[in-house]
Protein backbone atom coordinates (compact mmCIF):
# COMPACT_ATOMS: atom_id res chain seq x y z
CA MET A 1 43.38 -113.84 -15.28
CA ASP A 2 45.91 -110.93 -15.11
CA ALA A 3 44.69 -108.30 -12.63
CA GLN A 4 46.74 -105.55 -14.25
CA PRO A 5 44.94 -103.09 -16.53
CA LEU A 6 45.42 -103.88 -20.21
CA TYR A 7 47.53 -100.78 -20.84
CA ARG A 8 49.94 -101.84 -18.09
CA GLN A 9 50.21 -105.32 -19.58
CA LEU A 10 51.08 -103.75 -22.93
CA ALA A 11 53.57 -101.40 -21.27
CA GLU A 12 55.27 -104.42 -19.66
CA HIS A 13 55.37 -106.10 -23.06
CA TYR A 14 57.23 -103.20 -24.65
CA LEU A 15 59.43 -102.69 -21.58
CA GLY A 16 60.55 -106.31 -21.92
CA ALA A 17 61.50 -105.66 -25.54
CA ILE A 18 63.50 -102.58 -24.52
CA LYS A 19 65.35 -104.40 -21.73
CA ALA A 20 66.11 -107.36 -24.00
CA GLY A 21 67.56 -105.05 -26.63
CA THR A 22 64.91 -105.88 -29.23
CA LEU A 23 63.96 -102.21 -29.14
CA MET A 24 67.22 -100.31 -28.69
CA GLN A 25 67.97 -96.70 -27.88
CA GLY A 26 66.57 -94.48 -30.67
CA ALA A 27 64.22 -97.16 -32.02
CA ARG A 28 60.70 -96.02 -32.93
CA LEU A 29 57.75 -97.73 -31.26
CA PRO A 30 54.73 -98.68 -33.36
CA SER A 31 52.45 -95.69 -33.83
CA VAL A 32 49.38 -95.44 -31.64
CA ARG A 33 47.16 -96.58 -34.52
CA ALA A 34 49.53 -99.43 -35.39
CA MET A 35 49.46 -100.48 -31.73
CA MET A 36 45.65 -100.52 -31.85
CA ARG A 37 45.73 -102.87 -34.84
CA LEU A 38 48.56 -105.07 -33.54
CA HIS A 39 47.00 -105.68 -30.12
CA ASP A 40 43.32 -105.13 -30.92
CA VAL A 41 42.98 -102.42 -28.29
CA SER A 42 41.23 -99.06 -28.14
CA LEU A 43 42.82 -95.69 -28.83
CA SER A 44 42.62 -94.90 -25.12
CA THR A 45 44.51 -98.11 -24.17
CA ALA A 46 47.22 -97.51 -26.77
CA LEU A 47 47.72 -93.92 -25.58
CA GLN A 48 47.82 -94.96 -21.92
CA THR A 49 50.46 -97.59 -22.79
CA CYS A 50 52.73 -95.01 -24.39
CA ARG A 51 52.18 -92.46 -21.64
CA GLN A 52 53.01 -95.04 -18.96
CA LEU A 53 56.33 -95.87 -20.64
CA GLU A 54 57.00 -92.17 -21.06
CA ARG A 55 56.27 -91.41 -17.39
CA ASP A 56 58.62 -94.22 -16.36
CA GLY A 57 61.38 -92.72 -18.48
CA TRP A 58 61.70 -95.48 -21.08
CA ILE A 59 60.43 -93.64 -24.16
CA GLU A 60 60.08 -90.06 -25.31
CA ALA A 61 57.59 -88.35 -27.62
CA ARG A 62 58.95 -86.43 -30.60
CA PRO A 63 56.64 -83.88 -32.28
CA ARG A 64 55.00 -85.27 -35.45
CA SER A 65 57.31 -88.33 -35.30
CA GLY A 66 55.95 -90.63 -32.60
CA TYR A 67 57.48 -92.35 -29.58
CA PHE A 68 61.13 -93.42 -29.42
CA VAL A 69 63.17 -95.45 -26.96
CA ARG A 70 65.33 -93.11 -24.91
CA GLN A 71 68.65 -93.86 -23.27
CA PRO A 72 67.95 -96.28 -20.39
CA ARG A 73 67.23 -94.42 -17.22
CA ARG A 74 69.77 -94.84 -14.49
CA ILE A 75 69.78 -93.79 -10.87
CA ALA A 76 72.46 -91.13 -10.39
CA ILE A 77 75.80 -92.70 -9.53
CA PRO A 78 79.00 -90.68 -9.16
CA PRO A 79 81.87 -91.27 -11.60
CA LEU A 80 85.24 -92.61 -10.53
CA ALA A 81 87.57 -89.99 -9.09
CA GLU A 82 90.49 -88.84 -11.22
CA PRO A 83 93.83 -90.33 -10.09
CA ASP A 84 96.09 -88.30 -7.81
CA VAL A 85 98.96 -87.60 -10.18
CA GLY A 86 100.84 -85.69 -7.49
CA ARG A 87 101.34 -88.62 -5.16
CA PRO A 88 104.76 -90.28 -5.09
CA LEU A 89 104.99 -93.26 -7.41
CA ASP A 90 105.30 -96.72 -5.90
CA PRO A 91 108.76 -98.19 -6.49
CA ALA A 92 109.20 -100.29 -9.60
CA GLN A 93 108.78 -103.86 -8.43
CA TYR A 94 108.84 -107.45 -9.53
CA VAL A 95 105.23 -108.22 -10.05
CA GLY A 96 104.13 -111.10 -7.83
CA ILE A 97 100.73 -111.53 -9.49
CA HIS A 98 100.90 -115.24 -10.34
CA SER A 99 99.76 -116.44 -6.92
CA ARG A 100 96.68 -114.18 -6.94
CA VAL A 101 95.66 -115.17 -10.46
CA SER A 102 96.27 -118.85 -9.69
CA GLU A 103 94.09 -118.56 -6.57
CA PHE A 104 91.36 -116.86 -8.60
CA ILE A 105 91.40 -119.63 -11.24
CA ALA A 106 91.57 -122.43 -8.67
CA LYS A 107 88.61 -121.12 -6.70
CA GLY A 108 86.58 -120.68 -9.87
CA ARG A 109 87.18 -124.34 -10.70
CA LEU A 110 86.48 -125.49 -7.15
CA TYR A 111 83.14 -123.65 -7.13
CA PRO A 112 81.95 -123.59 -10.76
CA PRO A 113 79.85 -120.42 -11.10
CA LYS A 114 76.26 -120.33 -12.27
CA VAL A 115 76.75 -116.76 -13.53
CA ASN A 116 80.24 -115.89 -14.77
CA LEU A 117 80.80 -112.13 -14.75
CA SER A 118 84.59 -112.37 -14.75
CA GLY A 119 85.48 -112.47 -18.45
CA ALA A 120 86.25 -109.74 -20.97
CA ARG A 121 84.63 -111.22 -24.05
CA ALA A 122 81.10 -111.42 -25.38
CA ALA A 123 78.82 -114.46 -25.19
CA PRO A 124 79.34 -117.00 -28.03
CA GLU A 125 75.97 -116.16 -29.58
CA LEU A 126 77.14 -112.60 -30.27
CA TYR A 127 79.85 -113.82 -32.64
CA PRO A 128 79.18 -114.95 -36.27
CA SER A 129 79.82 -118.66 -35.77
CA GLU A 130 77.82 -119.83 -38.79
CA GLU A 131 79.48 -117.38 -41.18
CA LEU A 132 82.95 -118.28 -39.90
CA LYS A 133 82.18 -121.99 -40.19
CA ASN A 134 81.14 -121.55 -43.81
CA ALA A 135 84.23 -119.47 -44.56
CA ALA A 136 86.42 -122.19 -43.02
CA ILE A 137 84.72 -124.89 -45.13
CA ARG A 138 85.20 -122.85 -48.31
CA ALA A 139 88.86 -122.27 -47.43
CA LEU A 140 89.46 -126.00 -46.99
CA ARG A 141 87.63 -126.89 -50.20
CA SER A 142 89.58 -124.37 -52.27
CA ASP A 143 92.92 -125.26 -50.66
CA PRO A 144 92.78 -128.82 -49.23
CA GLU A 145 96.56 -128.96 -48.69
CA VAL A 146 96.45 -126.12 -46.17
CA LEU A 147 96.44 -128.63 -43.30
CA VAL A 148 99.38 -130.71 -44.54
CA ARG A 149 101.93 -128.19 -45.78
CA GLY A 150 104.19 -125.82 -43.91
CA THR A 151 102.99 -122.36 -42.92
CA PRO A 152 104.45 -119.20 -44.49
CA PRO A 153 106.78 -117.04 -42.38
CA GLY A 154 104.93 -114.21 -40.65
CA GLY A 155 101.49 -115.54 -41.50
CA ASN A 156 99.10 -115.98 -44.42
CA GLY A 157 99.61 -113.27 -47.05
CA GLN A 158 95.91 -112.75 -47.71
CA PHE A 159 95.17 -112.33 -44.00
CA ARG A 160 97.98 -109.82 -43.54
CA SER A 161 96.85 -107.85 -46.61
CA VAL A 162 93.31 -107.60 -45.22
CA LEU A 163 94.65 -106.43 -41.86
CA ALA A 164 96.85 -103.81 -43.53
CA ARG A 165 93.84 -102.45 -45.46
CA ARG A 166 91.75 -102.28 -42.29
CA ALA A 167 94.59 -100.48 -40.48
CA LEU A 168 94.21 -97.56 -42.90
CA GLU A 169 90.91 -96.73 -41.17
CA ASN A 170 92.89 -96.21 -37.94
CA GLY A 171 95.42 -93.92 -39.62
CA VAL A 172 98.14 -96.58 -39.93
CA VAL A 173 99.94 -97.23 -43.22
CA LEU A 174 101.54 -100.68 -43.24
CA ASN A 175 103.03 -103.03 -45.77
CA PRO A 176 101.52 -106.51 -45.18
CA ASP A 177 105.07 -107.84 -44.78
CA GLU A 178 105.46 -105.63 -41.71
CA LEU A 179 102.80 -107.69 -39.89
CA ILE A 180 103.50 -110.83 -37.88
CA VAL A 181 100.57 -113.09 -37.01
CA THR A 182 100.54 -114.28 -33.39
CA HIS A 183 98.60 -116.49 -31.00
CA GLY A 184 96.34 -113.71 -29.78
CA CYS A 185 97.42 -110.33 -28.45
CA ILE A 186 98.94 -111.93 -25.37
CA GLU A 187 101.71 -113.53 -27.46
CA ALA A 188 102.23 -110.25 -29.31
CA LEU A 189 102.78 -108.43 -26.01
CA ASN A 190 105.09 -111.21 -24.83
CA LEU A 191 107.19 -110.97 -27.99
CA ALA A 192 107.28 -107.17 -27.85
CA LEU A 193 108.57 -107.17 -24.27
CA ARG A 194 111.14 -109.87 -25.02
CA ALA A 195 112.37 -107.78 -27.94
CA VAL A 196 112.89 -104.51 -26.04
CA ALA A 197 113.72 -105.48 -22.43
CA GLN A 198 115.91 -107.83 -20.42
CA PRO A 199 115.28 -109.42 -16.99
CA GLY A 200 115.58 -106.78 -14.27
CA ASP A 201 114.53 -103.89 -16.54
CA THR A 202 111.70 -101.52 -15.62
CA VAL A 203 108.53 -101.33 -17.74
CA ALA A 204 105.90 -98.63 -17.18
CA VAL A 205 102.27 -99.77 -17.20
CA GLU A 206 98.86 -98.27 -16.55
CA SER A 207 97.42 -98.52 -13.05
CA PRO A 208 95.14 -100.42 -12.85
CA THR A 209 96.08 -102.67 -15.76
CA PHE A 210 95.18 -106.05 -17.25
CA TYR A 211 96.42 -108.81 -14.97
CA GLY A 212 97.59 -110.83 -18.00
CA LEU A 213 100.18 -108.15 -18.69
CA LEU A 214 101.36 -108.31 -15.08
CA GLN A 215 101.73 -112.07 -15.48
CA ILE A 216 103.90 -111.59 -18.57
CA LEU A 217 106.12 -109.08 -16.77
CA GLU A 218 106.57 -111.45 -13.85
CA SER A 219 107.37 -114.42 -16.08
CA LEU A 220 110.04 -112.35 -17.88
CA GLY A 221 111.63 -111.09 -14.66
CA LEU A 222 110.74 -107.46 -15.42
CA ARG A 223 109.89 -104.72 -12.94
CA ALA A 224 106.50 -103.00 -13.24
CA LEU A 225 106.20 -99.27 -12.62
CA GLU A 226 102.51 -98.35 -12.30
CA ILE A 227 101.44 -94.98 -13.72
CA PRO A 228 98.13 -93.46 -12.48
CA THR A 229 95.43 -93.76 -15.13
CA SER A 230 92.14 -91.93 -15.58
CA ALA A 231 88.87 -93.69 -16.34
CA SER A 232 88.14 -90.89 -18.82
CA THR A 233 91.38 -90.05 -20.62
CA GLY A 234 93.73 -92.94 -19.94
CA MET A 235 97.29 -92.82 -18.61
CA SER A 236 98.25 -89.54 -16.95
CA LEU A 237 101.01 -88.01 -19.06
CA GLU A 238 101.92 -85.70 -16.18
CA ALA A 239 102.51 -88.72 -13.95
CA LEU A 240 104.47 -90.41 -16.74
CA GLU A 241 106.73 -87.36 -17.10
CA LEU A 242 107.35 -87.45 -13.35
CA ALA A 243 108.20 -91.15 -13.64
CA LEU A 244 110.67 -90.43 -16.44
CA ARG A 245 112.48 -87.94 -14.20
CA THR A 246 112.47 -90.37 -11.26
CA TYR A 247 113.25 -93.58 -13.19
CA PRO A 248 115.52 -92.69 -16.14
CA ASP A 249 116.11 -96.37 -16.95
CA ILE A 250 112.54 -97.22 -18.09
CA LYS A 251 112.92 -99.48 -21.12
CA ALA A 252 109.32 -99.73 -22.35
CA LEU A 253 105.78 -98.49 -21.82
CA VAL A 254 102.70 -100.67 -22.41
CA VAL A 255 99.41 -98.85 -22.92
CA VAL A 256 95.85 -99.62 -24.04
CA PRO A 257 94.73 -96.31 -25.60
CA HIS A 258 91.19 -97.41 -26.49
CA LEU A 259 88.75 -98.91 -23.95
CA GLN A 260 91.54 -99.65 -21.50
CA ASN A 261 91.18 -102.86 -19.52
CA PRO A 262 89.79 -102.58 -16.85
CA LEU A 263 88.93 -98.84 -16.81
CA GLY A 264 87.32 -98.50 -20.25
CA SER A 265 89.01 -95.13 -20.90
CA VAL A 266 89.69 -93.71 -24.37
CA MET A 267 92.79 -91.54 -24.76
CA PRO A 268 92.20 -88.28 -26.64
CA ASP A 269 94.13 -87.85 -29.90
CA ALA A 270 96.16 -84.96 -28.48
CA HIS A 271 97.30 -87.19 -25.62
CA LYS A 272 98.18 -90.01 -28.01
CA GLN A 273 100.29 -87.75 -30.19
CA ARG A 274 102.06 -86.32 -27.13
CA LEU A 275 102.68 -89.81 -25.74
CA VAL A 276 104.30 -91.03 -28.97
CA ARG A 277 106.56 -87.96 -29.05
CA LEU A 278 107.46 -88.34 -25.36
CA CYS A 279 108.53 -91.97 -25.76
CA GLU A 280 110.58 -91.14 -28.86
CA GLN A 281 112.38 -88.32 -27.01
CA HIS A 282 113.29 -90.63 -24.12
CA ALA A 283 114.13 -93.66 -26.31
CA ILE A 284 111.43 -95.76 -24.62
CA ALA A 285 109.74 -98.48 -26.65
CA LEU A 286 105.99 -97.78 -26.82
CA ILE A 287 103.94 -100.98 -26.93
CA GLU A 288 100.33 -100.39 -28.00
CA ASP A 289 97.65 -102.97 -27.12
CA ASP A 290 94.77 -102.09 -29.47
CA THR A 291 92.55 -105.07 -28.75
CA TYR A 292 89.28 -103.22 -28.09
CA SER A 293 89.08 -100.22 -30.44
CA GLU A 294 86.51 -101.85 -32.77
CA LEU A 295 84.07 -102.01 -29.82
CA ALA A 296 83.98 -98.24 -29.27
CA ASP A 297 80.66 -96.42 -29.74
CA VAL A 298 82.08 -93.65 -31.91
CA ASP A 299 81.13 -92.19 -35.27
CA ALA A 300 84.55 -92.69 -36.87
CA PRO A 301 87.29 -95.28 -36.32
CA LEU A 302 89.73 -94.44 -33.53
CA THR A 303 93.25 -93.43 -34.50
CA ALA A 304 95.97 -95.79 -33.32
CA LEU A 305 99.14 -94.60 -31.59
CA LYS A 306 101.02 -96.15 -34.51
CA ALA A 307 99.55 -93.46 -36.78
CA TRP A 308 101.90 -90.87 -35.21
CA ASP A 309 104.95 -93.14 -35.30
CA ARG A 310 107.69 -91.79 -37.59
CA SER A 311 110.68 -93.71 -36.21
CA GLY A 312 109.41 -97.27 -35.78
CA ASN A 313 109.32 -96.78 -32.01
CA VAL A 314 105.70 -97.97 -31.60
CA ILE A 315 104.99 -101.69 -31.51
CA HIS A 316 101.32 -102.10 -32.45
CA CYS A 317 99.59 -105.24 -31.11
CA ALA A 318 95.98 -106.33 -31.74
CA SER A 319 93.74 -109.38 -32.02
CA LEU A 320 90.39 -110.80 -33.11
CA HIS A 321 89.84 -112.42 -29.73
CA LYS A 322 87.32 -109.89 -28.39
CA ILE A 323 85.75 -108.64 -31.61
CA LEU A 324 85.25 -111.68 -33.83
CA ALA A 325 86.39 -115.14 -32.77
CA PRO A 326 87.72 -115.97 -29.29
CA GLY A 327 88.27 -119.58 -30.34
CA MET A 328 90.64 -118.69 -33.19
CA ARG A 329 93.26 -117.01 -30.96
CA LEU A 330 94.37 -114.82 -33.88
CA GLY A 331 96.49 -111.77 -33.11
CA TRP A 332 99.07 -109.72 -34.97
CA MET A 333 101.71 -107.08 -34.46
CA ALA A 334 103.64 -104.43 -36.37
CA ALA A 335 106.95 -104.28 -34.50
CA GLY A 336 108.51 -101.25 -36.24
CA LYS A 337 112.30 -101.15 -35.86
CA TRP A 338 112.20 -104.37 -33.84
CA HIS A 339 110.58 -106.37 -36.66
CA ALA A 340 113.57 -108.63 -37.35
CA ARG A 341 114.12 -109.39 -33.67
CA VAL A 342 110.44 -110.12 -33.08
CA ALA A 343 110.31 -112.40 -36.13
CA MET A 344 113.30 -114.34 -34.77
CA LEU A 345 111.74 -114.59 -31.29
CA LYS A 346 108.43 -115.74 -32.76
CA TYR A 347 110.20 -118.46 -34.73
CA ALA A 348 112.20 -119.59 -31.70
CA GLN A 349 109.25 -119.51 -29.31
CA THR A 350 106.21 -120.91 -31.14
CA ARG A 351 106.93 -121.02 -34.90
CA ASP A 352 104.24 -119.70 -37.27
CA ASN A 353 100.49 -119.90 -36.65
CA GLU A 354 98.43 -122.47 -38.53
CA GLU A 355 97.06 -121.02 -41.77
CA TRP A 356 93.52 -122.38 -42.12
CA SER A 357 91.91 -120.03 -39.60
CA GLN A 358 93.75 -117.06 -41.11
CA ILE A 359 92.32 -117.78 -44.57
CA ALA A 360 88.78 -118.09 -43.18
CA ALA A 361 89.14 -114.92 -41.12
CA ALA A 362 90.56 -113.00 -44.08
CA GLU A 363 87.56 -113.88 -46.26
CA PHE A 364 85.10 -112.77 -43.60
CA ILE A 365 86.91 -109.54 -42.66
CA ALA A 366 87.17 -108.53 -46.33
CA SER A 367 83.38 -108.84 -46.75
CA ALA A 368 80.59 -106.44 -45.84
CA ASP A 369 79.44 -109.05 -43.31
CA TYR A 370 82.30 -108.07 -41.01
CA ASP A 371 81.18 -104.48 -40.57
CA ARG A 372 77.58 -105.63 -40.12
CA HIS A 373 78.75 -108.01 -37.41
CA LEU A 374 80.66 -105.22 -35.64
CA ARG A 375 77.60 -102.94 -35.73
CA ARG A 376 75.41 -105.68 -34.24
CA LEU A 377 78.02 -106.54 -31.61
CA ARG A 378 78.46 -102.93 -30.54
CA ALA A 379 74.69 -102.42 -30.35
CA ALA A 380 74.19 -105.55 -28.23
CA LEU A 381 77.05 -104.64 -25.89
CA ARG A 382 75.70 -101.11 -25.51
CA VAL A 383 72.37 -102.48 -24.29
CA GLN A 384 74.08 -104.92 -21.95
CA ARG A 385 76.39 -102.25 -20.49
CA GLU A 386 73.45 -99.96 -19.83
CA ARG A 387 71.53 -102.78 -18.15
CA MET A 388 74.50 -103.72 -15.97
CA ALA A 389 75.21 -100.09 -15.04
CA GLU A 390 71.60 -99.63 -14.03
CA ALA A 391 71.84 -102.79 -11.90
CA VAL A 392 74.93 -101.39 -10.17
CA ALA A 393 73.15 -98.10 -9.50
CA SER A 394 70.03 -99.89 -8.23
CA TYR A 395 71.49 -102.70 -6.13
CA PHE A 396 74.98 -101.73 -4.93
CA PRO A 397 75.57 -99.87 -1.66
CA LEU A 398 75.62 -96.11 -1.30
CA GLY A 399 79.05 -94.75 -2.13
CA THR A 400 79.60 -97.02 -5.14
CA ARG A 401 81.18 -95.20 -8.09
CA LEU A 402 81.24 -95.96 -11.82
CA THR A 403 82.37 -94.12 -14.95
CA MET A 404 80.41 -95.34 -17.96
CA PRO A 405 82.81 -96.31 -20.78
CA GLN A 406 82.27 -95.36 -24.42
CA GLY A 407 82.09 -99.00 -25.47
CA GLY A 408 83.58 -102.38 -24.67
CA ILE A 409 82.67 -105.42 -22.62
CA THR A 410 83.36 -104.56 -18.97
CA LEU A 411 82.59 -102.13 -16.17
CA TRP A 412 85.12 -101.06 -13.51
CA ILE A 413 83.31 -100.47 -10.22
CA GLU A 414 84.54 -98.76 -7.07
CA LEU A 415 82.86 -99.94 -3.87
CA PRO A 416 82.82 -97.93 -0.65
CA GLN A 417 86.38 -97.62 0.69
CA ALA A 418 85.97 -100.12 3.54
CA CYS A 419 84.68 -102.94 1.29
CA ASN A 420 87.17 -105.63 0.32
CA SER A 421 86.68 -107.18 -3.10
CA ARG A 422 88.53 -110.37 -2.08
CA ASP A 423 86.03 -111.01 0.71
CA LEU A 424 83.20 -110.15 -1.69
CA PHE A 425 84.72 -112.53 -4.25
CA ASP A 426 84.67 -115.46 -1.79
CA ALA A 427 81.13 -114.72 -0.59
CA ALA A 428 79.79 -114.28 -4.14
CA LEU A 429 81.44 -117.47 -5.37
CA ARG A 430 79.64 -119.43 -2.66
CA GLU A 431 76.42 -118.14 -4.22
CA GLY A 432 77.50 -119.14 -7.72
CA ILE A 433 78.66 -115.70 -8.96
CA LEU A 434 82.15 -115.08 -10.32
CA PHE A 435 83.72 -111.66 -11.01
CA ALA A 436 87.26 -110.27 -11.21
CA PRO A 437 88.41 -108.59 -7.96
CA GLY A 438 90.41 -105.38 -8.16
CA THR A 439 93.44 -106.90 -6.46
CA MET A 440 94.23 -108.74 -9.72
CA PHE A 441 94.79 -105.52 -11.66
CA SER A 442 97.62 -103.95 -9.66
CA ASN A 443 100.37 -104.56 -7.13
CA SER A 444 99.91 -101.16 -5.51
CA GLY A 445 97.23 -102.23 -3.03
CA ARG A 446 95.12 -99.28 -4.16
CA PHE A 447 92.31 -101.29 -5.74
CA GLU A 448 91.25 -103.60 -2.92
CA HIS A 449 87.71 -102.17 -3.02
CA PHE A 450 87.29 -102.32 -6.82
CA LEU A 451 85.94 -105.02 -9.11
CA ARG A 452 85.54 -105.64 -12.83
CA ILE A 453 82.19 -106.91 -14.10
CA SER A 454 81.61 -108.42 -17.53
CA CYS A 455 78.82 -107.08 -19.74
CA GLY A 456 79.31 -109.85 -22.28
CA LEU A 457 76.28 -111.92 -21.24
CA PRO A 458 72.93 -111.08 -22.86
CA CYS A 459 70.40 -109.41 -20.57
CA SER A 460 68.40 -111.97 -18.59
CA ASP A 461 66.58 -112.37 -15.30
CA GLU A 462 69.40 -114.67 -14.14
CA VAL A 463 72.06 -112.00 -14.71
CA ASP A 464 69.90 -109.32 -13.09
CA GLU A 465 69.34 -111.54 -10.05
CA ALA A 466 73.09 -112.22 -9.82
CA MET A 467 73.74 -108.47 -9.75
CA ARG A 468 71.05 -108.02 -7.11
CA ARG A 469 72.67 -110.70 -4.93
CA LEU A 470 76.13 -109.25 -5.51
CA GLY A 471 74.92 -105.82 -4.42
CA ARG A 472 73.24 -107.34 -1.37
CA ILE A 473 76.47 -109.10 -0.35
CA ALA A 474 78.46 -105.87 -0.74
CA ALA A 475 75.89 -103.92 1.26
CA ALA A 476 75.99 -106.58 4.02
CA SER A 477 79.74 -106.12 4.44
CA PRO A 478 80.49 -105.32 8.12
CA ALA A 479 81.96 -102.01 6.99
CA ASN A 480 78.60 -100.99 5.50
CA VAL A 481 76.42 -102.00 8.41
CA VAL A 482 75.59 -99.00 10.60
């Protein structure tokens, strides 16, 4: 028999629903009288249940409206510091990231993790697999020759038309023929860089930045110039202007304006407009990676950099990999004045993408189901981010810093200065936990004590315990032992 008072048992019941995301922020709890009927309890027990949850900070009372789930409580944790834009820039350098990424992958395979917190995509159950399967079946039934005929140049016309219509919400006016379908955003970035730069050229990137981009730069023989980037507002335009005075031969700039990977920053519109103008003035190709914007918790769609492009100088790249279907590997790009060169490079490098998945994706994206899916995905990720941020605040050592992003799938965490994320990576992997160490996101050596954690896994006791163990390992670092 449970020794807890009945009201505490009921409070635990509703707390479990809140933590699991069944009752999300802003949701209304059953009224006191409804709770009495649902659980066959007295008025006193129902009131004590609500007051317990209110005292613990999980719900709030609203006059004449009832009790509502409040934003998850979180122990105070300081935000990440703004970057020092006055410091001298590190020299543009050949990247040298392959060995670190290869080591990361090899160790992950040698010690298969029980809890994988390293990725930047949601769990499979958060994507509409059944709806996409049905759309794919319908596409094959209506067009059975799609698997045995050649693919159209640039991609399926219906898919590109749907993408062009969706782009209007982000302020971008495109003719479907301006779009080129790619194998995910990673191929789009690869093509964009091949189109605008030659081996030995310098390309400006955010710091920290996605290690996949650093891999591309290294494979193309390009030099990376890292520009300090804020976890709140994105790349520092002041630091970029300094870089342009110091390195007048910069050929391209790659930027993630919305939910930057790994920081999670969102660039304000005024900064985006200024950035587009700056790159046009200096004849620098501006490559926009807009992979994550649909995952932002905002009231209106975010405006793409491409919306301010009047000269074709912005190459807009995006994908469905994070927001709809990781298994489809569907990306696209609008290459502006480099369209013809990119189309030629695409043909020479990989030819056109297969058409079947494009037809299925086009049907789903054109339906109301797509927006419903995005709302559900954003809501689930919001709950999971809050849960993971609370775990960081509760379990990680004093001195840990975190800026909560406005959406997305990951958290960028700064450990106390003396901690080393590579040592933490090895120790955590031995306990079955995998994350992405900060050393993978830069060549500057400035992020040795940072790590990126995925919020893509649904909340569970297993994930919470993994975060507890990770925090314990970090706290047990020799540098943190007094």
